[in-house]
Amino acid sequence: MSTFALRQGRRGSLLVVVALWVVLWLVVGAVTTFQVRQLTEVSDSLVESADALDVAGLALQDIGRLPLVGERPEALGNQVRETAREIDRAGTASRETVRTVSLLLGLALVLIPVVPVVAVYLPLRRAGNRERRTVKQALADGGQDPSLEEFLAHRAVQNLPYDTLREVSADPWGDLRRGSFRRLANAELTRLGLATRQRRAEHRTG
């Protein structure tokens, strides 16, 4: 298999690599969010402890209301219940904080590695697809535009690496000067994935 064909295969697999990269970091972000969110169990334990403490404080208040016992147990019960309310508020607040942090951390782990890759890849892919559609339409019309082959040959010289150009032509720039566009144009069509369509168009016109 030629170096040119290998390069085409690598370009074709780029979409798969980008997709796998995105999926990988989506999984990492989701797992991290889940793991950090498990810390809410500590907050839930605090809230449960506050509920138990509140029950104890309520019992002390009831004891303080009994005859001959005095007000000290009731006052202690009031303090215990106030402490229970503070613990409950702290546990609820920490639970919400953990949930927020887990979400933000998960998003950061996804966005930081994914956004730069996608921001570079998508415009390149969009530009390539637009060019491919234009050439594809010209081929669908029969490729009758006499300047199409010349355009494709020039695009091949602009887009293909030097070693690939040398596989196509020993003197690609000389071919341009002499008006020998066919091999370079076919190389550009191969780069765009349209070589088969070109052969069909030539068969119809032939």
N, C-alpha and C. Protein backbone atom coordinates (compact mmCIF):
# COMPACT_ATOMS: atom_id res chain seq x y z
N MET A 1 0.85 -1.20 0.00
CA MET A 1 0.00 0.00 0.00
C MET A 1 0.89 1.25 0.00
N SER A 2 0.55 2.24 -0.81
CA SER A 2 1.38 3.43 -0.94
C SER A 2 1.25 4.33 0.27
N THR A 3 2.26 5.21 0.41
CA THR A 3 2.20 6.20 1.49
C THR A 3 0.96 7.07 1.34
N PHE A 4 0.59 7.37 0.10
CA PHE A 4 -0.59 8.20 -0.16
C PHE A 4 -1.84 7.53 0.40
N ALA A 5 -1.99 6.23 0.14
CA ALA A 5 -3.17 5.52 0.64
C ALA A 5 -3.16 5.45 2.16
N LEU A 6 -1.98 5.28 2.74
CA LEU A 6 -1.90 5.25 4.20
C LEU A 6 -2.32 6.58 4.79
N ARG A 7 -1.92 7.67 4.17
CA ARG A 7 -2.30 9.00 4.67
C ARG A 7 -3.81 9.18 4.59
N GLN A 8 -4.40 8.67 3.50
CA GLN A 8 -5.85 8.78 3.38
C GLN A 8 -6.55 8.01 4.48
N GLY A 9 -6.02 6.84 4.80
CA GLY A 9 -6.62 6.05 5.88
C GLY A 9 -6.52 6.75 7.22
N ARG A 10 -5.38 7.41 7.45
CA ARG A 10 -5.21 8.13 8.71
C ARG A 10 -6.18 9.29 8.81
N ARG A 11 -6.36 10.02 7.69
CA ARG A 11 -7.31 11.13 7.72
C ARG A 11 -8.72 10.62 7.96
N GLY A 12 -9.03 9.46 7.36
CA GLY A 12 -10.37 8.92 7.55
C GLY A 12 -10.63 8.50 8.98
N SER A 13 -9.57 8.11 9.71
CA SER A 13 -9.74 7.67 11.09
C SER A 13 -9.70 8.83 12.08
N LEU A 14 -9.41 10.04 11.61
CA LEU A 14 -9.32 11.18 12.52
C LEU A 14 -10.63 11.43 13.25
N LEU A 15 -11.74 11.29 12.52
CA LEU A 15 -13.05 11.49 13.15
C LEU A 15 -13.26 10.50 14.27
N VAL A 16 -12.85 9.24 14.07
CA VAL A 16 -13.00 8.22 15.10
C VAL A 16 -12.16 8.58 16.32
N VAL A 17 -10.93 9.06 16.10
CA VAL A 17 -10.06 9.43 17.21
C VAL A 17 -10.67 10.57 18.02
N VAL A 18 -11.17 11.59 17.31
CA VAL A 18 -11.79 12.73 18.01
C VAL A 18 -13.02 12.27 18.79
N ALA A 19 -13.83 11.41 18.17
CA ALA A 19 -15.03 10.92 18.85
C ALA A 19 -14.66 10.12 20.11
N LEU A 20 -13.64 9.27 20.00
CA LEU A 20 -13.20 8.49 21.16
C LEU A 20 -12.65 9.39 22.26
N TRP A 21 -11.93 10.44 21.86
CA TRP A 21 -11.40 11.41 22.83
C TRP A 21 -12.54 12.07 23.60
N VAL A 22 -13.57 12.49 22.88
CA VAL A 22 -14.72 13.13 23.52
C VAL A 22 -15.42 12.15 24.47
N VAL A 23 -15.65 10.92 23.99
CA VAL A 23 -16.33 9.92 24.82
C VAL A 23 -15.51 9.60 26.07
N LEU A 24 -14.20 9.49 25.90
CA LEU A 24 -13.32 9.20 27.05
C LEU A 24 -13.50 10.22 28.15
N TRP A 25 -13.45 11.50 27.78
CA TRP A 25 -13.53 12.54 28.81
C TRP A 25 -14.95 12.71 29.33
N LEU A 26 -15.95 12.37 28.54
CA LEU A 26 -17.32 12.34 29.06
C LEU A 26 -17.45 11.28 30.15
N VAL A 27 -16.84 10.12 29.92
CA VAL A 27 -16.88 9.06 30.92
C VAL A 27 -16.12 9.48 32.17
N VAL A 28 -14.91 10.06 31.98
CA VAL A 28 -14.12 10.52 33.13
C VAL A 28 -14.90 11.56 33.94
N GLY A 29 -15.53 12.51 33.24
CA GLY A 29 -16.30 13.54 33.93
C GLY A 29 -17.48 12.95 34.69
N ALA A 30 -18.17 12.00 34.07
CA ALA A 30 -19.33 11.39 34.71
C ALA A 30 -18.92 10.59 35.95
N VAL A 31 -17.84 9.80 35.82
CA VAL A 31 -17.37 9.00 36.95
C VAL A 31 -16.91 9.90 38.10
N THR A 32 -16.18 10.97 37.76
CA THR A 32 -15.71 11.89 38.80
C THR A 32 -16.89 12.55 39.51
N THR A 33 -17.87 12.99 38.73
CA THR A 33 -19.05 13.60 39.34
C THR A 33 -19.73 12.63 40.30
N PHE A 34 -19.88 11.38 39.87
CA PHE A 34 -20.52 10.37 40.72
C PHE A 34 -19.72 10.13 41.99
N GLN A 35 -18.39 9.98 41.86
CA GLN A 35 -17.56 9.68 43.02
C GLN A 35 -17.58 10.82 44.03
N VAL A 36 -17.44 12.06 43.54
CA VAL A 36 -17.44 13.20 44.46
C VAL A 36 -18.80 13.35 45.13
N ARG A 37 -19.85 13.05 44.37
CA ARG A 37 -21.20 13.20 44.93
C ARG A 37 -21.44 12.21 46.07
N GLN A 38 -20.67 11.13 46.10
CA GLN A 38 -20.82 10.18 47.20
C GLN A 38 -20.49 10.81 48.56
N LEU A 39 -19.74 11.92 48.51
CA LEU A 39 -19.41 12.61 49.77
C LEU A 39 -20.65 13.19 50.43
N THR A 40 -21.76 13.27 49.72
CA THR A 40 -22.99 13.75 50.34
C THR A 40 -23.46 12.80 51.44
N GLU A 41 -22.93 11.55 51.43
CA GLU A 41 -23.30 10.62 52.50
C GLU A 41 -22.86 11.16 53.86
N VAL A 42 -21.71 11.87 53.88
CA VAL A 42 -21.26 12.47 55.14
C VAL A 42 -22.26 13.53 55.60
N SER A 43 -22.72 14.35 54.65
CA SER A 43 -23.71 15.39 54.98
C SER A 43 -25.02 14.75 55.44
N ASP A 44 -25.41 13.66 54.78
CA ASP A 44 -26.64 12.98 55.19
C ASP A 44 -26.50 12.44 56.61
N SER A 45 -25.30 11.95 56.95
CA SER A 45 -25.08 11.46 58.32
C SER A 45 -25.21 12.59 59.33
N LEU A 46 -24.70 13.78 58.96
CA LEU A 46 -24.83 14.93 59.85
C LEU A 46 -26.30 15.28 60.07
N VAL A 47 -27.07 15.26 59.00
CA VAL A 47 -28.49 15.59 59.12
C VAL A 47 -29.20 14.56 59.99
N GLU A 48 -28.86 13.28 59.80
CA GLU A 48 -29.47 12.24 60.63
C GLU A 48 -29.08 12.40 62.10
N SER A 49 -27.81 12.76 62.32
CA SER A 49 -27.37 12.99 63.70
C SER A 49 -28.11 14.18 64.31
N ALA A 50 -28.33 15.21 63.51
CA ALA A 50 -29.06 16.38 64.00
C ALA A 50 -30.49 16.00 64.37
N ASP A 51 -31.10 15.13 63.59
CA ASP A 51 -32.47 14.68 63.90
C ASP A 51 -32.50 13.92 65.23
N ALA A 52 -31.50 13.04 65.42
CA ALA A 52 -31.45 12.29 66.67
C ALA A 52 -31.20 13.21 67.86
N LEU A 53 -30.32 14.19 67.66
CA LEU A 53 -30.03 15.14 68.74
C LEU A 53 -31.26 15.99 69.07
N ASP A 54 -32.03 16.33 68.04
CA ASP A 54 -33.24 17.11 68.26
C ASP A 54 -34.25 16.31 69.07
N VAL A 55 -34.34 15.01 68.80
CA VAL A 55 -35.25 14.15 69.58
C VAL A 55 -34.81 14.11 71.05
N ALA A 56 -33.49 14.03 71.27
CA ALA A 56 -32.98 14.02 72.64
C ALA A 56 -33.28 15.34 73.34
N GLY A 57 -33.11 16.44 72.62
CA GLY A 57 -33.41 17.75 73.21
C GLY A 57 -34.88 17.89 73.53
N LEU A 58 -35.74 17.36 72.67
CA LEU A 58 -37.18 17.40 72.93
C LEU A 58 -37.53 16.60 74.17
N ALA A 59 -36.84 15.46 74.36
CA ALA A 59 -37.08 14.65 75.55
C ALA A 59 -36.67 15.40 76.82
N LEU A 60 -35.52 16.10 76.73
CA LEU A 60 -35.10 16.90 77.89
C LEU A 60 -36.11 18.00 78.20
N GLN A 61 -36.65 18.62 77.18
CA GLN A 61 -37.67 19.66 77.40
C GLN A 61 -38.89 19.09 78.10
N ASP A 62 -39.30 17.89 77.71
CA ASP A 62 -40.46 17.26 78.33
C ASP A 62 -40.19 16.93 79.79
N ILE A 63 -38.95 16.47 80.06
CA ILE A 63 -38.58 16.15 81.44
C ILE A 63 -38.61 17.42 82.29
N GLY A 64 -38.12 18.53 81.74
CA GLY A 64 -38.07 19.78 82.48
C GLY A 64 -39.46 20.32 82.81
N ARG A 65 -40.47 19.87 82.08
CA ARG A 65 -41.82 20.36 82.35
C ARG A 65 -42.54 19.54 83.44
N LEU A 66 -41.89 18.43 83.87
CA LEU A 66 -42.50 17.62 84.93
C LEU A 66 -42.43 18.35 86.28
N PRO A 67 -43.42 18.16 87.12
CA PRO A 67 -43.39 18.80 88.46
C PRO A 67 -42.18 18.33 89.28
N LEU A 68 -41.63 19.19 90.05
CA LEU A 68 -40.55 18.93 90.98
C LEU A 68 -39.19 18.69 90.31
N VAL A 69 -39.13 18.75 89.00
CA VAL A 69 -37.85 18.53 88.32
C VAL A 69 -37.09 19.84 88.15
N GLY A 70 -37.79 20.90 87.85
CA GLY A 70 -37.13 22.18 87.68
C GLY A 70 -36.90 22.53 86.21
N GLU A 71 -36.35 23.70 86.01
CA GLU A 71 -36.19 24.21 84.64
C GLU A 71 -34.87 23.85 83.98
N ARG A 72 -33.92 23.29 84.74
CA ARG A 72 -32.60 23.03 84.17
C ARG A 72 -32.66 22.03 83.00
N PRO A 73 -33.37 20.92 83.14
CA PRO A 73 -33.44 20.00 81.98
C PRO A 73 -34.08 20.66 80.75
N GLU A 74 -35.11 21.48 80.99
CA GLU A 74 -35.76 22.12 79.83
C GLU A 74 -34.80 23.10 79.14
N ALA A 75 -34.03 23.87 79.95
CA ALA A 75 -33.07 24.80 79.36
C ALA A 75 -31.99 24.04 78.59
N LEU A 76 -31.55 22.90 79.16
CA LEU A 76 -30.57 22.08 78.46
C LEU A 76 -31.16 21.53 77.16
N GLY A 77 -32.44 21.15 77.23
CA GLY A 77 -33.10 20.66 76.02
C GLY A 77 -33.16 21.72 74.94
N ASN A 78 -33.41 22.96 75.36
CA ASN A 78 -33.44 24.06 74.39
C ASN A 78 -32.08 24.21 73.69
N GLN A 79 -31.02 24.14 74.49
CA GLN A 79 -29.67 24.26 73.92
C GLN A 79 -29.37 23.10 72.97
N VAL A 80 -29.77 21.91 73.39
CA VAL A 80 -29.51 20.73 72.54
C VAL A 80 -30.25 20.86 71.21
N ARG A 81 -31.50 21.29 71.26
CA ARG A 81 -32.28 21.43 70.03
C ARG A 81 -31.73 22.53 69.13
N GLU A 82 -31.23 23.62 69.72
CA GLU A 82 -30.62 24.69 68.93
C GLU A 82 -29.35 24.17 68.24
N THR A 83 -28.55 23.39 68.99
CA THR A 83 -27.36 22.79 68.39
C THR A 83 -27.75 21.84 67.26
N ALA A 84 -28.82 21.09 67.45
CA ALA A 84 -29.30 20.17 66.41
C ALA A 84 -29.70 20.93 65.15
N ARG A 85 -30.36 22.08 65.33
CA ARG A 85 -30.76 22.88 64.17
C ARG A 85 -29.54 23.42 63.43
N GLU A 86 -28.50 23.84 64.16
CA GLU A 86 -27.28 24.32 63.51
C GLU A 86 -26.58 23.21 62.73
N ILE A 87 -26.53 22.01 63.33
CA ILE A 87 -25.92 20.87 62.64
C ILE A 87 -26.71 20.53 61.38
N ASP A 88 -28.03 20.59 61.48
CA ASP A 88 -28.88 20.28 60.33
C ASP A 88 -28.64 21.28 59.20
N ARG A 89 -28.54 22.57 59.58
CA ARG A 89 -28.29 23.58 58.54
C ARG A 89 -26.93 23.36 57.89
N ALA A 90 -25.92 23.05 58.70
CA ALA A 90 -24.57 22.81 58.17
C ALA A 90 -24.56 21.58 57.25
N GLY A 91 -25.24 20.53 57.67
CA GLY A 91 -25.28 19.31 56.85
C GLY A 91 -25.98 19.54 55.53
N THR A 92 -27.10 20.28 55.57
CA THR A 92 -27.83 20.58 54.33
C THR A 92 -27.00 21.44 53.39
N ALA A 93 -26.34 22.46 53.97
CA ALA A 93 -25.51 23.35 53.15
C ALA A 93 -24.34 22.60 52.53
N SER A 94 -23.70 21.74 53.32
CA SER A 94 -22.55 20.98 52.80
C SER A 94 -22.99 20.00 51.71
N ARG A 95 -24.19 19.44 51.84
CA ARG A 95 -24.69 18.54 50.81
C ARG A 95 -24.87 19.27 49.49
N GLU A 96 -25.44 20.48 49.54
CA GLU A 96 -25.61 21.26 48.32
C GLU A 96 -24.26 21.68 47.73
N THR A 97 -23.31 22.00 48.63
CA THR A 97 -21.98 22.38 48.16
C THR A 97 -21.29 21.22 47.44
N VAL A 98 -21.39 20.03 48.02
CA VAL A 98 -20.79 18.85 47.40
C VAL A 98 -21.40 18.58 46.04
N ARG A 99 -22.71 18.71 45.93
CA ARG A 99 -23.37 18.48 44.64
C ARG A 99 -22.91 19.50 43.60
N THR A 100 -22.80 20.76 44.02
CA THR A 100 -22.35 21.79 43.08
C THR A 100 -20.91 21.55 42.64
N VAL A 101 -20.05 21.25 43.62
CA VAL A 101 -18.63 21.01 43.31
C VAL A 101 -18.49 19.80 42.40
N SER A 102 -19.23 18.73 42.67
CA SER A 102 -19.13 17.53 41.83
C SER A 102 -19.53 17.83 40.39
N LEU A 103 -20.58 18.65 40.22
CA LEU A 103 -21.03 19.00 38.87
C LEU A 103 -19.99 19.86 38.16
N LEU A 104 -19.47 20.88 38.87
CA LEU A 104 -18.49 21.77 38.25
C LEU A 104 -17.19 21.04 37.92
N LEU A 105 -16.77 20.15 38.81
CA LEU A 105 -15.54 19.39 38.56
C LEU A 105 -15.71 18.46 37.36
N GLY A 106 -16.88 17.80 37.29
CA GLY A 106 -17.14 16.94 36.14
C GLY A 106 -17.15 17.71 34.84
N LEU A 107 -17.80 18.88 34.84
CA LEU A 107 -17.83 19.70 33.63
C LEU A 107 -16.43 20.18 33.23
N ALA A 108 -15.63 20.57 34.22
CA ALA A 108 -14.27 21.03 33.93
C ALA A 108 -13.44 19.91 33.31
N LEU A 109 -13.58 18.70 33.84
CA LEU A 109 -12.82 17.58 33.30
C LEU A 109 -13.23 17.24 31.87
N VAL A 110 -14.47 17.57 31.51
CA VAL A 110 -14.92 17.33 30.14
C VAL A 110 -14.51 18.49 29.22
N LEU A 111 -14.80 19.71 29.66
CA LEU A 111 -14.64 20.86 28.78
C LEU A 111 -13.18 21.20 28.50
N ILE A 112 -12.33 21.13 29.52
CA ILE A 112 -10.94 21.57 29.35
C ILE A 112 -10.21 20.75 28.28
N PRO A 113 -10.29 19.41 28.28
CA PRO A 113 -9.59 18.68 27.21
C PRO A 113 -10.37 18.57 25.90
N VAL A 114 -11.70 18.72 25.95
CA VAL A 114 -12.51 18.47 24.76
C VAL A 114 -12.68 19.72 23.90
N VAL A 115 -12.95 20.86 24.52
CA VAL A 115 -13.27 22.07 23.75
C VAL A 115 -12.15 22.47 22.80
N PRO A 116 -10.87 22.51 23.22
CA PRO A 116 -9.82 22.90 22.26
C PRO A 116 -9.75 21.96 21.05
N VAL A 117 -9.88 20.65 21.30
CA VAL A 117 -9.81 19.69 20.20
C VAL A 117 -10.96 19.89 19.23
N VAL A 118 -12.17 20.01 19.77
CA VAL A 118 -13.36 20.18 18.92
C VAL A 118 -13.31 21.53 18.21
N ALA A 119 -12.82 22.57 18.90
CA ALA A 119 -12.76 23.90 18.30
C ALA A 119 -11.81 23.94 17.10
N VAL A 120 -10.77 23.11 17.13
CA VAL A 120 -9.85 23.04 15.99
C VAL A 120 -10.40 22.11 14.91
N TYR A 121 -10.97 20.98 15.33
CA TYR A 121 -11.38 19.95 14.37
C TYR A 121 -12.60 20.36 13.55
N LEU A 122 -13.63 20.91 14.22
CA LEU A 122 -14.88 21.18 13.51
C LEU A 122 -14.73 22.19 12.37
N PRO A 123 -14.05 23.35 12.56
CA PRO A 123 -13.89 24.26 11.42
C PRO A 123 -13.14 23.62 10.25
N LEU A 124 -12.10 22.81 10.56
CA LEU A 124 -11.37 22.15 9.50
C LEU A 124 -12.26 21.16 8.75
N ARG A 125 -13.05 20.42 9.51
CA ARG A 125 -13.94 19.45 8.87
C ARG A 125 -15.03 20.16 8.07
N ARG A 126 -15.55 21.28 8.61
CA ARG A 126 -16.60 22.01 7.90
C ARG A 126 -16.05 22.57 6.58
N ALA A 127 -14.84 23.12 6.63
CA ALA A 127 -14.24 23.65 5.40
C ALA A 127 -13.99 22.54 4.39
N GLY A 128 -13.51 21.40 4.88
CA GLY A 128 -13.27 20.28 3.98
C GLY A 128 -14.55 19.75 3.37
N ASN A 129 -15.61 19.67 4.16
CA ASN A 129 -16.89 19.19 3.63
C ASN A 129 -17.46 20.16 2.60
N ARG A 130 -17.29 21.46 2.85
CA ARG A 130 -17.79 22.45 1.90
C ARG A 130 -17.06 22.32 0.56
N GLU A 131 -15.74 22.17 0.62
CA GLU A 131 -14.96 22.01 -0.61
C GLU A 131 -15.35 20.71 -1.31
N ARG A 132 -15.53 19.68 -0.54
CA ARG A 132 -15.88 18.38 -1.13
C ARG A 132 -17.24 18.45 -1.81
N ARG A 133 -18.21 19.12 -1.19
CA ARG A 133 -19.54 19.23 -1.81
C ARG A 133 -19.47 20.00 -3.13
N THR A 134 -18.64 21.06 -3.15
CA THR A 134 -18.53 21.86 -4.37
C THR A 134 -17.97 21.04 -5.52
N VAL A 135 -16.87 20.31 -5.24
CA VAL A 135 -16.25 19.49 -6.28
C VAL A 135 -17.19 18.35 -6.67
N LYS A 136 -17.85 17.78 -5.69
CA LYS A 136 -18.79 16.68 -5.95
C LYS A 136 -19.90 17.12 -6.89
N GLN A 137 -20.40 18.35 -6.66
CA GLN A 137 -21.46 18.87 -7.53
C GLN A 137 -20.93 19.08 -8.94
N ALA A 138 -19.69 19.58 -9.06
CA ALA A 138 -19.10 19.78 -10.38
C ALA A 138 -18.95 18.46 -11.11
N LEU A 139 -18.57 17.41 -10.39
CA LEU A 139 -18.44 16.09 -11.01
C LEU A 139 -19.81 15.53 -11.39
N ALA A 140 -20.81 15.80 -10.54
CA ALA A 140 -22.16 15.33 -10.84
C ALA A 140 -22.70 15.98 -12.10
N ASP A 141 -22.25 17.20 -12.37
CA ASP A 141 -22.67 17.90 -13.60
C ASP A 141 -21.92 17.41 -14.83
N GLY A 142 -21.06 16.42 -14.64
CA GLY A 142 -20.33 15.85 -15.77
C GLY A 142 -18.90 16.28 -15.85
N GLY A 143 -18.47 17.14 -14.95
CA GLY A 143 -17.09 17.61 -14.95
C GLY A 143 -16.72 18.34 -16.24
N GLN A 144 -17.68 19.07 -16.81
CA GLN A 144 -17.45 19.73 -18.10
C GLN A 144 -16.68 21.04 -17.98
N ASP A 145 -16.57 21.57 -16.79
CA ASP A 145 -15.85 22.82 -16.60
C ASP A 145 -14.36 22.58 -16.92
N PRO A 146 -13.81 23.20 -17.95
CA PRO A 146 -12.42 22.92 -18.34
C PRO A 146 -11.40 23.35 -17.29
N SER A 147 -11.82 24.26 -16.43
CA SER A 147 -10.88 24.72 -15.41
C SER A 147 -10.90 23.85 -14.16
N LEU A 148 -11.83 22.90 -14.08
CA LEU A 148 -11.94 22.07 -12.88
C LEU A 148 -10.68 21.24 -12.66
N GLU A 149 -10.19 20.58 -13.72
CA GLU A 149 -9.00 19.75 -13.58
C GLU A 149 -7.79 20.58 -13.17
N GLU A 150 -7.67 21.76 -13.75
CA GLU A 150 -6.56 22.64 -13.38
C GLU A 150 -6.68 23.07 -11.92
N PHE A 151 -7.89 23.41 -11.52
CA PHE A 151 -8.12 23.81 -10.13
C PHE A 151 -7.73 22.68 -9.18
N LEU A 152 -8.16 21.46 -9.49
CA LEU A 152 -7.85 20.31 -8.63
C LEU A 152 -6.35 20.05 -8.58
N ALA A 153 -5.67 20.21 -9.71
CA ALA A 153 -4.23 20.00 -9.74
C ALA A 153 -3.51 21.01 -8.84
N HIS A 154 -3.92 22.26 -8.91
CA HIS A 154 -3.32 23.29 -8.05
C HIS A 154 -3.62 23.00 -6.57
N ARG A 155 -4.85 22.54 -6.30
CA ARG A 155 -5.19 22.22 -4.91
C ARG A 155 -4.36 21.05 -4.40
N ALA A 156 -4.05 20.11 -5.27
CA ALA A 156 -3.20 18.98 -4.86
C ALA A 156 -1.82 19.46 -4.44
N VAL A 157 -1.25 20.37 -5.23
CA VAL A 157 0.07 20.90 -4.91
C VAL A 157 0.04 21.68 -3.59
N GLN A 158 -1.07 22.35 -3.33
CA GLN A 158 -1.20 23.14 -2.10
C GLN A 158 -1.44 22.25 -0.88
N ASN A 159 -2.18 21.16 -1.05
CA ASN A 159 -2.66 20.40 0.11
C ASN A 159 -1.84 19.16 0.44
N LEU A 160 -1.28 18.52 -0.57
CA LEU A 160 -0.61 17.25 -0.33
C LEU A 160 0.82 17.46 0.16
N PRO A 161 1.29 16.60 1.07
CA PRO A 161 2.69 16.68 1.52
C PRO A 161 3.64 16.41 0.36
N TYR A 162 4.86 16.87 0.52
CA TYR A 162 5.85 16.79 -0.57
C TYR A 162 6.10 15.33 -0.99
N ASP A 163 6.25 14.44 0.00
CA ASP A 163 6.53 13.05 -0.36
C ASP A 163 5.37 12.43 -1.12
N THR A 164 4.15 12.82 -0.79
CA THR A 164 3.00 12.30 -1.52
C THR A 164 2.96 12.85 -2.93
N LEU A 165 3.28 14.13 -3.09
CA LEU A 165 3.34 14.72 -4.43
C LEU A 165 4.35 13.98 -5.31
N ARG A 166 5.49 13.62 -4.72
CA ARG A 166 6.52 12.93 -5.51
C ARG A 166 6.07 11.53 -5.90
N GLU A 167 5.16 10.94 -5.11
CA GLU A 167 4.59 9.66 -5.52
C GLU A 167 3.68 9.83 -6.73
N VAL A 168 3.01 10.97 -6.80
CA VAL A 168 2.06 11.23 -7.89
C VAL A 168 2.81 11.68 -9.15
N SER A 169 3.80 12.54 -8.97
CA SER A 169 4.51 13.10 -10.12
C SER A 169 5.95 13.39 -9.72
N ALA A 170 6.87 13.10 -10.64
CA ALA A 170 8.28 13.40 -10.36
C ALA A 170 8.54 14.90 -10.36
N ASP A 171 7.70 15.66 -11.06
CA ASP A 171 7.89 17.11 -11.16
C ASP A 171 6.51 17.78 -11.15
N PRO A 172 5.86 17.84 -9.97
CA PRO A 172 4.50 18.36 -9.91
C PRO A 172 4.38 19.82 -10.36
N TRP A 173 5.36 20.64 -10.00
CA TRP A 173 5.30 22.05 -10.41
C TRP A 173 5.53 22.19 -11.92
N GLY A 174 6.40 21.35 -12.47
CA GLY A 174 6.58 21.33 -13.91
C GLY A 174 5.31 20.90 -14.63
N ASP A 175 4.59 19.94 -14.03
CA ASP A 175 3.31 19.50 -14.62
C ASP A 175 2.32 20.66 -14.67
N LEU A 176 2.32 21.48 -13.63
CA LEU A 176 1.41 22.64 -13.64
C LEU A 176 1.78 23.61 -14.76
N ARG A 177 3.08 23.84 -14.90
CA ARG A 177 3.51 24.78 -15.95
C ARG A 177 3.19 24.24 -17.34
N ARG A 178 3.32 22.94 -17.52
CA ARG A 178 3.07 22.34 -18.84
C ARG A 178 1.59 22.08 -19.11
N GLY A 179 0.76 22.28 -18.09
CA GLY A 179 -0.66 22.02 -18.27
C GLY A 179 -1.02 20.55 -18.19
N SER A 180 -0.13 19.76 -17.56
CA SER A 180 -0.40 18.32 -17.37
C SER A 180 -1.03 18.13 -16.00
N PHE A 181 -2.36 18.21 -15.97
CA PHE A 181 -3.07 18.29 -14.69
C PHE A 181 -3.66 16.96 -14.22
N ARG A 182 -3.79 15.96 -15.12
CA ARG A 182 -4.60 14.80 -14.83
C ARG A 182 -4.18 14.04 -13.56
N ARG A 183 -2.90 13.69 -13.44
CA ARG A 183 -2.48 12.90 -12.28
C ARG A 183 -2.63 13.68 -10.98
N LEU A 184 -2.28 14.96 -11.01
CA LEU A 184 -2.42 15.77 -9.79
C LEU A 184 -3.89 15.94 -9.44
N ALA A 185 -4.74 16.15 -10.44
CA ALA A 185 -6.17 16.30 -10.18
C ALA A 185 -6.74 15.03 -9.57
N ASN A 186 -6.34 13.87 -10.10
CA ASN A 186 -6.82 12.60 -9.54
C ASN A 186 -6.34 12.40 -8.10
N ALA A 187 -5.11 12.87 -7.81
CA ALA A 187 -4.61 12.78 -6.44
C ALA A 187 -5.45 13.63 -5.49
N GLU A 188 -5.84 14.81 -5.94
CA GLU A 188 -6.68 15.67 -5.11
C GLU A 188 -8.06 15.06 -4.91
N LEU A 189 -8.60 14.44 -5.96
CA LEU A 189 -9.89 13.75 -5.83
C LEU A 189 -9.79 12.60 -4.84
N THR A 190 -8.66 11.90 -4.84
CA THR A 190 -8.45 10.83 -3.87
C THR A 190 -8.40 11.39 -2.46
N ARG A 191 -7.72 12.52 -2.31
CA ARG A 191 -7.67 13.16 -0.98
C ARG A 191 -9.06 13.52 -0.50
N LEU A 192 -9.94 13.95 -1.40
CA LEU A 192 -11.30 14.33 -1.05
C LEU A 192 -12.24 13.13 -0.98
N GLY A 193 -11.76 11.96 -1.34
CA GLY A 193 -12.60 10.78 -1.34
C GLY A 193 -13.56 10.73 -2.51
N LEU A 194 -13.21 11.37 -3.63
CA LEU A 194 -14.10 11.47 -4.78
C LEU A 194 -13.53 10.81 -6.02
N ALA A 195 -12.49 10.02 -5.86
CA ALA A 195 -11.84 9.42 -7.03
C ALA A 195 -12.79 8.49 -7.76
N THR A 196 -13.60 7.71 -7.03
CA THR A 196 -14.54 6.78 -7.66
C THR A 196 -15.58 7.52 -8.47
N ARG A 197 -16.07 8.63 -7.90
CA ARG A 197 -17.06 9.43 -8.62
C ARG A 197 -16.48 10.00 -9.91
N GLN A 198 -15.19 10.40 -9.89
CA GLN A 198 -14.56 10.93 -11.09
C GLN A 198 -14.46 9.85 -12.16
N ARG A 199 -14.10 8.63 -11.77
CA ARG A 199 -14.01 7.55 -12.75
C ARG A 199 -15.35 7.26 -13.39
N ARG A 200 -16.42 7.36 -12.58
CA ARG A 200 -17.74 7.15 -13.16
C ARG A 200 -18.10 8.24 -14.14
N ALA A 201 -17.72 9.49 -13.80
CA ALA A 201 -18.03 10.61 -14.70
C ALA A 201 -17.27 10.45 -16.01
N GLU A 202 -15.98 10.00 -15.93
CA GLU A 202 -15.21 9.83 -17.14
C GLU A 202 -15.80 8.69 -17.98
N HIS A 203 -16.33 7.66 -17.32
CA HIS A 203 -16.93 6.55 -18.05
C HIS A 203 -18.18 7.00 -18.80
N ARG A 204 -18.98 7.87 -18.14
CA ARG A 204 -20.19 8.37 -18.80
C ARG A 204 -19.85 9.24 -20.00
N THR A 205 -18.84 10.12 -19.82
CA THR A 205 -18.51 11.03 -20.92
C THR A 205 -17.75 10.30 -22.02
N GLY A 206 -17.07 9.20 -21.64
CA GLY A 206 -16.35 8.43 -22.65
C GLY A 206 -17.31 7.62 -23.50
